Amino acid sequence: MGGAFQAATRGCLGVSEASGIDSATRRLQTALEALDGAVGRRLERDRGQAAAATQLHAFDVDRARLAAELDDATARARALETTNREVALRLDEAIATIRAIVEPSEPGA
C-alpha cells in the first residue's frame, strides 16, 4: 500500500483518520512480514523433516541389510563350529587308531 494511496486518502479524510490508516497499514505490513517469515521457517522445518525421513528410511534399509548379513554370518559360524567338532572327533579317532597300531609293536609290551 504505497504512498499514492496514503496521499489520496489524506485528501478525503481528516489527519487523524489518515494517521489511523497509516498506522493500520504499517501494522498490516508488519503482520505480512511476520507471516512471510513464519512461512519461510515452516518450509525450512518441513524440508528438515523430509531430510530426516529420508535418512530414517536409509537407516532402516541399512539395518535390514546388516541384520541379514548378521544372520548369514551367524549361520556360517554355526556351520564352522559343527565342522570343527566333526574334525576334532575324527582327529581323536585317528589318534586313537594310530596309538592302537603303534603301542603293540613297541618293545617290552
N, C-alpha and C. Protein backbone atom coordinates (compact mmCIF):
# COMPACT_ATOMS: atom_id res chain seq x y z
N MET A 1 0.86 -1.15 0.00
CA MET A 1 0.00 0.00 0.00
C MET A 1 0.91 1.22 0.00
N GLY A 2 1.09 1.76 -1.15
CA GLY A 2 2.09 2.79 -1.33
C GLY A 2 1.66 4.17 -0.89
N GLY A 3 2.57 5.09 -1.08
CA GLY A 3 2.36 6.47 -0.66
C GLY A 3 1.25 7.16 -1.45
N ALA A 4 0.99 6.77 -2.70
CA ALA A 4 -0.05 7.40 -3.50
C ALA A 4 -1.41 7.16 -2.86
N PHE A 5 -1.63 5.94 -2.35
CA PHE A 5 -2.90 5.63 -1.68
C PHE A 5 -3.03 6.47 -0.42
N GLN A 6 -1.93 6.55 0.32
CA GLN A 6 -1.97 7.31 1.57
C GLN A 6 -2.22 8.79 1.29
N ALA A 7 -1.59 9.32 0.26
CA ALA A 7 -1.79 10.74 -0.09
C ALA A 7 -3.23 10.96 -0.53
N ALA A 8 -3.80 10.03 -1.28
CA ALA A 8 -5.18 10.18 -1.75
C ALA A 8 -6.15 10.10 -0.59
N THR A 9 -5.87 9.22 0.36
CA THR A 9 -6.78 9.09 1.50
C THR A 9 -6.69 10.30 2.41
N ARG A 10 -5.55 10.93 2.48
CA ARG A 10 -5.42 12.13 3.32
C ARG A 10 -6.27 13.27 2.78
N GLY A 11 -6.36 13.30 1.46
CA GLY A 11 -7.16 14.37 0.85
C GLY A 11 -8.64 14.21 1.17
N CYS A 12 -9.14 13.00 1.31
CA CYS A 12 -10.55 12.75 1.56
C CYS A 12 -10.86 12.63 3.04
N LEU A 13 -9.88 12.31 3.83
CA LEU A 13 -10.09 12.07 5.26
C LEU A 13 -9.37 13.12 6.09
N GLY A 14 -9.74 13.17 7.34
CA GLY A 14 -9.05 14.08 8.24
C GLY A 14 -7.69 13.53 8.60
N VAL A 15 -6.86 14.36 9.24
CA VAL A 15 -5.50 13.98 9.60
C VAL A 15 -5.50 12.79 10.55
N SER A 16 -6.40 12.77 11.53
CA SER A 16 -6.40 11.66 12.49
C SER A 16 -6.86 10.37 11.82
N GLU A 17 -7.80 10.46 10.88
CA GLU A 17 -8.23 9.27 10.16
C GLU A 17 -7.10 8.76 9.27
N ALA A 18 -6.40 9.65 8.61
CA ALA A 18 -5.27 9.27 7.76
C ALA A 18 -4.16 8.67 8.61
N SER A 19 -3.95 9.24 9.77
CA SER A 19 -2.94 8.71 10.67
C SER A 19 -3.32 7.30 11.11
N GLY A 20 -4.61 7.07 11.35
CA GLY A 20 -5.09 5.74 11.72
C GLY A 20 -4.89 4.74 10.59
N ILE A 21 -5.15 5.18 9.38
CA ILE A 21 -4.95 4.32 8.21
C ILE A 21 -3.47 4.01 8.03
N ASP A 22 -2.62 5.05 8.20
CA ASP A 22 -1.17 4.82 8.11
C ASP A 22 -0.73 3.81 9.15
N SER A 23 -1.24 3.96 10.34
CA SER A 23 -0.89 3.05 11.42
C SER A 23 -1.36 1.63 11.10
N ALA A 24 -2.58 1.51 10.60
CA ALA A 24 -3.12 0.20 10.23
C ALA A 24 -2.32 -0.41 9.09
N THR A 25 -1.91 0.45 8.14
CA THR A 25 -1.11 -0.02 7.01
C THR A 25 0.23 -0.56 7.51
N ARG A 26 0.86 0.15 8.42
CA ARG A 26 2.14 -0.32 8.99
C ARG A 26 1.95 -1.63 9.74
N ARG A 27 0.86 -1.72 10.52
CA ARG A 27 0.61 -2.96 11.26
C ARG A 27 0.37 -4.13 10.29
N LEU A 28 -0.37 -3.85 9.21
CA LEU A 28 -0.62 -4.88 8.21
C LEU A 28 0.69 -5.31 7.55
N GLN A 29 1.53 -4.34 7.21
CA GLN A 29 2.82 -4.65 6.59
C GLN A 29 3.68 -5.49 7.55
N THR A 30 3.70 -5.12 8.82
CA THR A 30 4.46 -5.87 9.83
C THR A 30 3.91 -7.29 9.95
N ALA A 31 2.58 -7.41 9.95
CA ALA A 31 1.96 -8.73 10.05
C ALA A 31 2.28 -9.58 8.83
N LEU A 32 2.26 -8.96 7.64
CA LEU A 32 2.60 -9.70 6.43
C LEU A 32 4.05 -10.16 6.44
N GLU A 33 4.94 -9.32 6.92
CA GLU A 33 6.36 -9.69 7.02
C GLU A 33 6.53 -10.83 8.02
N ALA A 34 5.81 -10.76 9.15
CA ALA A 34 5.88 -11.83 10.15
C ALA A 34 5.34 -13.13 9.56
N LEU A 35 4.24 -13.03 8.81
CA LEU A 35 3.67 -14.21 8.17
C LEU A 35 4.65 -14.80 7.17
N ASP A 36 5.28 -13.94 6.37
CA ASP A 36 6.27 -14.40 5.40
C ASP A 36 7.41 -15.12 6.10
N GLY A 37 7.88 -14.57 7.21
CA GLY A 37 8.95 -15.21 7.98
C GLY A 37 8.50 -16.55 8.54
N ALA A 38 7.26 -16.61 9.05
CA ALA A 38 6.74 -17.86 9.60
C ALA A 38 6.61 -18.93 8.52
N VAL A 39 6.17 -18.51 7.32
CA VAL A 39 6.06 -19.46 6.21
C VAL A 39 7.44 -19.97 5.83
N GLY A 40 8.41 -19.08 5.77
CA GLY A 40 9.78 -19.49 5.46
C GLY A 40 10.33 -20.47 6.47
N ARG A 41 10.10 -20.18 7.76
CA ARG A 41 10.57 -21.11 8.80
C ARG A 41 9.87 -22.45 8.70
N ARG A 42 8.59 -22.43 8.39
CA ARG A 42 7.83 -23.68 8.26
C ARG A 42 8.35 -24.50 7.09
N LEU A 43 8.64 -23.82 5.97
CA LEU A 43 9.19 -24.53 4.81
C LEU A 43 10.53 -25.16 5.15
N GLU A 44 11.38 -24.43 5.86
CA GLU A 44 12.68 -24.98 6.27
C GLU A 44 12.50 -26.19 7.19
N ARG A 45 11.56 -26.09 8.13
CA ARG A 45 11.31 -27.19 9.04
C ARG A 45 10.78 -28.40 8.27
N ASP A 46 9.88 -28.16 7.32
CA ASP A 46 9.35 -29.26 6.51
C ASP A 46 10.46 -29.92 5.69
N ARG A 47 11.36 -29.09 5.14
CA ARG A 47 12.50 -29.67 4.40
C ARG A 47 13.37 -30.49 5.33
N GLY A 48 13.58 -29.99 6.54
CA GLY A 48 14.37 -30.73 7.52
C GLY A 48 13.70 -32.04 7.90
N GLN A 49 12.38 -32.02 8.04
CA GLN A 49 11.66 -33.24 8.37
C GLN A 49 11.71 -34.23 7.21
N ALA A 50 11.63 -33.72 6.00
CA ALA A 50 11.73 -34.61 4.83
C ALA A 50 13.12 -35.23 4.76
N ALA A 51 14.13 -34.44 5.04
CA ALA A 51 15.50 -34.97 5.04
C ALA A 51 15.66 -36.01 6.14
N ALA A 52 15.08 -35.74 7.30
CA ALA A 52 15.16 -36.70 8.41
C ALA A 52 14.42 -37.99 8.06
N ALA A 53 13.28 -37.87 7.39
CA ALA A 53 12.53 -39.05 6.99
C ALA A 53 13.32 -39.87 5.97
N THR A 54 13.98 -39.19 5.05
CA THR A 54 14.82 -39.88 4.06
C THR A 54 15.97 -40.59 4.75
N GLN A 55 16.59 -39.91 5.70
CA GLN A 55 17.70 -40.51 6.44
C GLN A 55 17.21 -41.70 7.27
N LEU A 56 16.06 -41.57 7.89
CA LEU A 56 15.49 -42.67 8.67
C LEU A 56 15.23 -43.87 7.79
N HIS A 57 14.71 -43.63 6.59
CA HIS A 57 14.47 -44.74 5.65
C HIS A 57 15.80 -45.41 5.28
N ALA A 58 16.82 -44.61 5.04
CA ALA A 58 18.14 -45.17 4.71
C ALA A 58 18.67 -46.00 5.87
N PHE A 59 18.46 -45.51 7.10
CA PHE A 59 18.89 -46.27 8.28
C PHE A 59 18.14 -47.60 8.38
N ASP A 60 16.84 -47.58 8.08
CA ASP A 60 16.06 -48.81 8.12
C ASP A 60 16.55 -49.81 7.08
N VAL A 61 16.86 -49.32 5.89
CA VAL A 61 17.38 -50.19 4.84
C VAL A 61 18.72 -50.78 5.27
N ASP A 62 19.61 -49.94 5.83
CA ASP A 62 20.90 -50.42 6.31
C ASP A 62 20.73 -51.43 7.43
N ARG A 63 19.79 -51.15 8.35
CA ARG A 63 19.56 -52.06 9.46
C ARG A 63 19.09 -53.42 8.96
N ALA A 64 18.19 -53.42 7.99
CA ALA A 64 17.69 -54.67 7.43
C ALA A 64 18.82 -55.44 6.73
N ARG A 65 19.65 -54.72 5.99
CA ARG A 65 20.78 -55.36 5.31
C ARG A 65 21.76 -55.93 6.31
N LEU A 66 22.07 -55.14 7.35
CA LEU A 66 23.00 -55.61 8.37
C LEU A 66 22.44 -56.80 9.16
N ALA A 67 21.14 -56.78 9.41
CA ALA A 67 20.51 -57.91 10.11
C ALA A 67 20.62 -59.18 9.27
N ALA A 68 20.40 -59.05 7.96
CA ALA A 68 20.52 -60.21 7.07
C ALA A 68 21.96 -60.71 7.04
N GLU A 69 22.91 -59.78 6.96
CA GLU A 69 24.32 -60.18 6.97
C GLU A 69 24.69 -60.86 8.28
N LEU A 70 24.18 -60.33 9.39
CA LEU A 70 24.44 -60.94 10.69
C LEU A 70 23.85 -62.35 10.76
N ASP A 71 22.64 -62.53 10.25
CA ASP A 71 22.04 -63.86 10.21
C ASP A 71 22.89 -64.82 9.39
N ASP A 72 23.37 -64.35 8.24
CA ASP A 72 24.23 -65.19 7.39
C ASP A 72 25.53 -65.54 8.11
N ALA A 73 26.14 -64.55 8.75
CA ALA A 73 27.40 -64.78 9.46
C ALA A 73 27.19 -65.74 10.64
N THR A 74 26.08 -65.60 11.33
CA THR A 74 25.78 -66.50 12.46
C THR A 74 25.59 -67.92 11.96
N ALA A 75 24.86 -68.08 10.86
CA ALA A 75 24.66 -69.41 10.30
C ALA A 75 25.99 -70.02 9.86
N ARG A 76 26.83 -69.20 9.25
CA ARG A 76 28.16 -69.70 8.82
C ARG A 76 29.00 -70.07 10.02
N ALA A 77 28.96 -69.27 11.08
CA ALA A 77 29.73 -69.58 12.30
C ALA A 77 29.25 -70.89 12.90
N ARG A 78 27.94 -71.10 12.93
CA ARG A 78 27.41 -72.38 13.46
C ARG A 78 27.87 -73.56 12.61
N ALA A 79 27.84 -73.39 11.30
CA ALA A 79 28.29 -74.46 10.41
C ALA A 79 29.77 -74.75 10.63
N LEU A 80 30.57 -73.69 10.80
CA LEU A 80 32.00 -73.89 11.05
C LEU A 80 32.24 -74.57 12.40
N GLU A 81 31.45 -74.22 13.41
CA GLU A 81 31.58 -74.88 14.71
C GLU A 81 31.25 -76.36 14.61
N THR A 82 30.19 -76.68 13.86
CA THR A 82 29.81 -78.08 13.67
C THR A 82 30.91 -78.83 12.93
N THR A 83 31.43 -78.23 11.88
CA THR A 83 32.52 -78.85 11.12
C THR A 83 33.75 -79.02 12.01
N ASN A 84 34.05 -78.02 12.82
CA ASN A 84 35.20 -78.09 13.72
C ASN A 84 35.05 -79.25 14.70
N ARG A 85 33.85 -79.42 15.26
CA ARG A 85 33.62 -80.54 16.19
C ARG A 85 33.79 -81.88 15.48
N GLU A 86 33.26 -81.97 14.25
CA GLU A 86 33.39 -83.21 13.48
C GLU A 86 34.85 -83.53 13.19
N VAL A 87 35.62 -82.52 12.81
CA VAL A 87 37.04 -82.71 12.52
C VAL A 87 37.78 -83.13 13.79
N ALA A 88 37.45 -82.49 14.91
CA ALA A 88 38.09 -82.84 16.18
C ALA A 88 37.80 -84.29 16.55
N LEU A 89 36.56 -84.74 16.37
CA LEU A 89 36.21 -86.14 16.66
C LEU A 89 36.97 -87.09 15.74
N ARG A 90 37.06 -86.74 14.46
CA ARG A 90 37.80 -87.60 13.52
C ARG A 90 39.28 -87.65 13.87
N LEU A 91 39.83 -86.51 14.27
CA LEU A 91 41.24 -86.50 14.68
C LEU A 91 41.45 -87.36 15.92
N ASP A 92 40.53 -87.25 16.87
CA ASP A 92 40.64 -88.10 18.07
C ASP A 92 40.57 -89.57 17.71
N GLU A 93 39.67 -89.94 16.78
CA GLU A 93 39.57 -91.32 16.33
C GLU A 93 40.85 -91.76 15.63
N ALA A 94 41.39 -90.87 14.77
CA ALA A 94 42.63 -91.21 14.06
C ALA A 94 43.78 -91.38 15.04
N ILE A 95 43.88 -90.50 16.04
CA ILE A 95 44.95 -90.61 17.04
C ILE A 95 44.80 -91.92 17.81
N ALA A 96 43.56 -92.24 18.17
CA ALA A 96 43.33 -93.49 18.91
C ALA A 96 43.70 -94.69 18.05
N THR A 97 43.38 -94.65 16.76
CA THR A 97 43.72 -95.76 15.86
C THR A 97 45.23 -95.89 15.72
N ILE A 98 45.92 -94.77 15.54
CA ILE A 98 47.38 -94.79 15.41
C ILE A 98 48.02 -95.32 16.69
N ARG A 99 47.52 -94.91 17.85
CA ARG A 99 48.06 -95.41 19.13
C ARG A 99 47.85 -96.92 19.25
N ALA A 100 46.68 -97.36 18.81
CA ALA A 100 46.39 -98.80 18.90
C ALA A 100 47.34 -99.60 18.02
N ILE A 101 47.71 -99.02 16.88
CA ILE A 101 48.64 -99.70 15.98
C ILE A 101 50.06 -99.63 16.54
N VAL A 102 50.47 -98.49 17.05
CA VAL A 102 51.86 -98.29 17.47
C VAL A 102 52.14 -98.97 18.81
N GLU A 103 51.26 -98.95 19.74
CA GLU A 103 51.52 -99.49 21.07
C GLU A 103 51.85 -100.98 21.09
N PRO A 104 51.15 -101.84 20.41
CA PRO A 104 51.51 -103.26 20.48
C PRO A 104 52.87 -103.56 19.85
N SER A 105 53.33 -102.73 18.93
CA SER A 105 54.61 -103.01 18.30
C SER A 105 55.80 -102.47 19.09
N GLU A 106 55.54 -101.78 20.17
CA GLU A 106 56.65 -101.26 20.97
C GLU A 106 57.31 -102.42 21.71
N PRO A 107 58.62 -102.40 21.82
CA PRO A 107 59.32 -103.47 22.54
C PRO A 107 58.96 -103.42 24.03
N GLY A 108 58.83 -104.54 24.61
CA GLY A 108 58.51 -104.65 26.02
C GLY A 108 57.05 -104.55 26.30
N ALA A 109 56.26 -104.61 25.32
CA ALA A 109 54.82 -104.53 25.56
C ALA A 109 54.21 -105.85 25.87
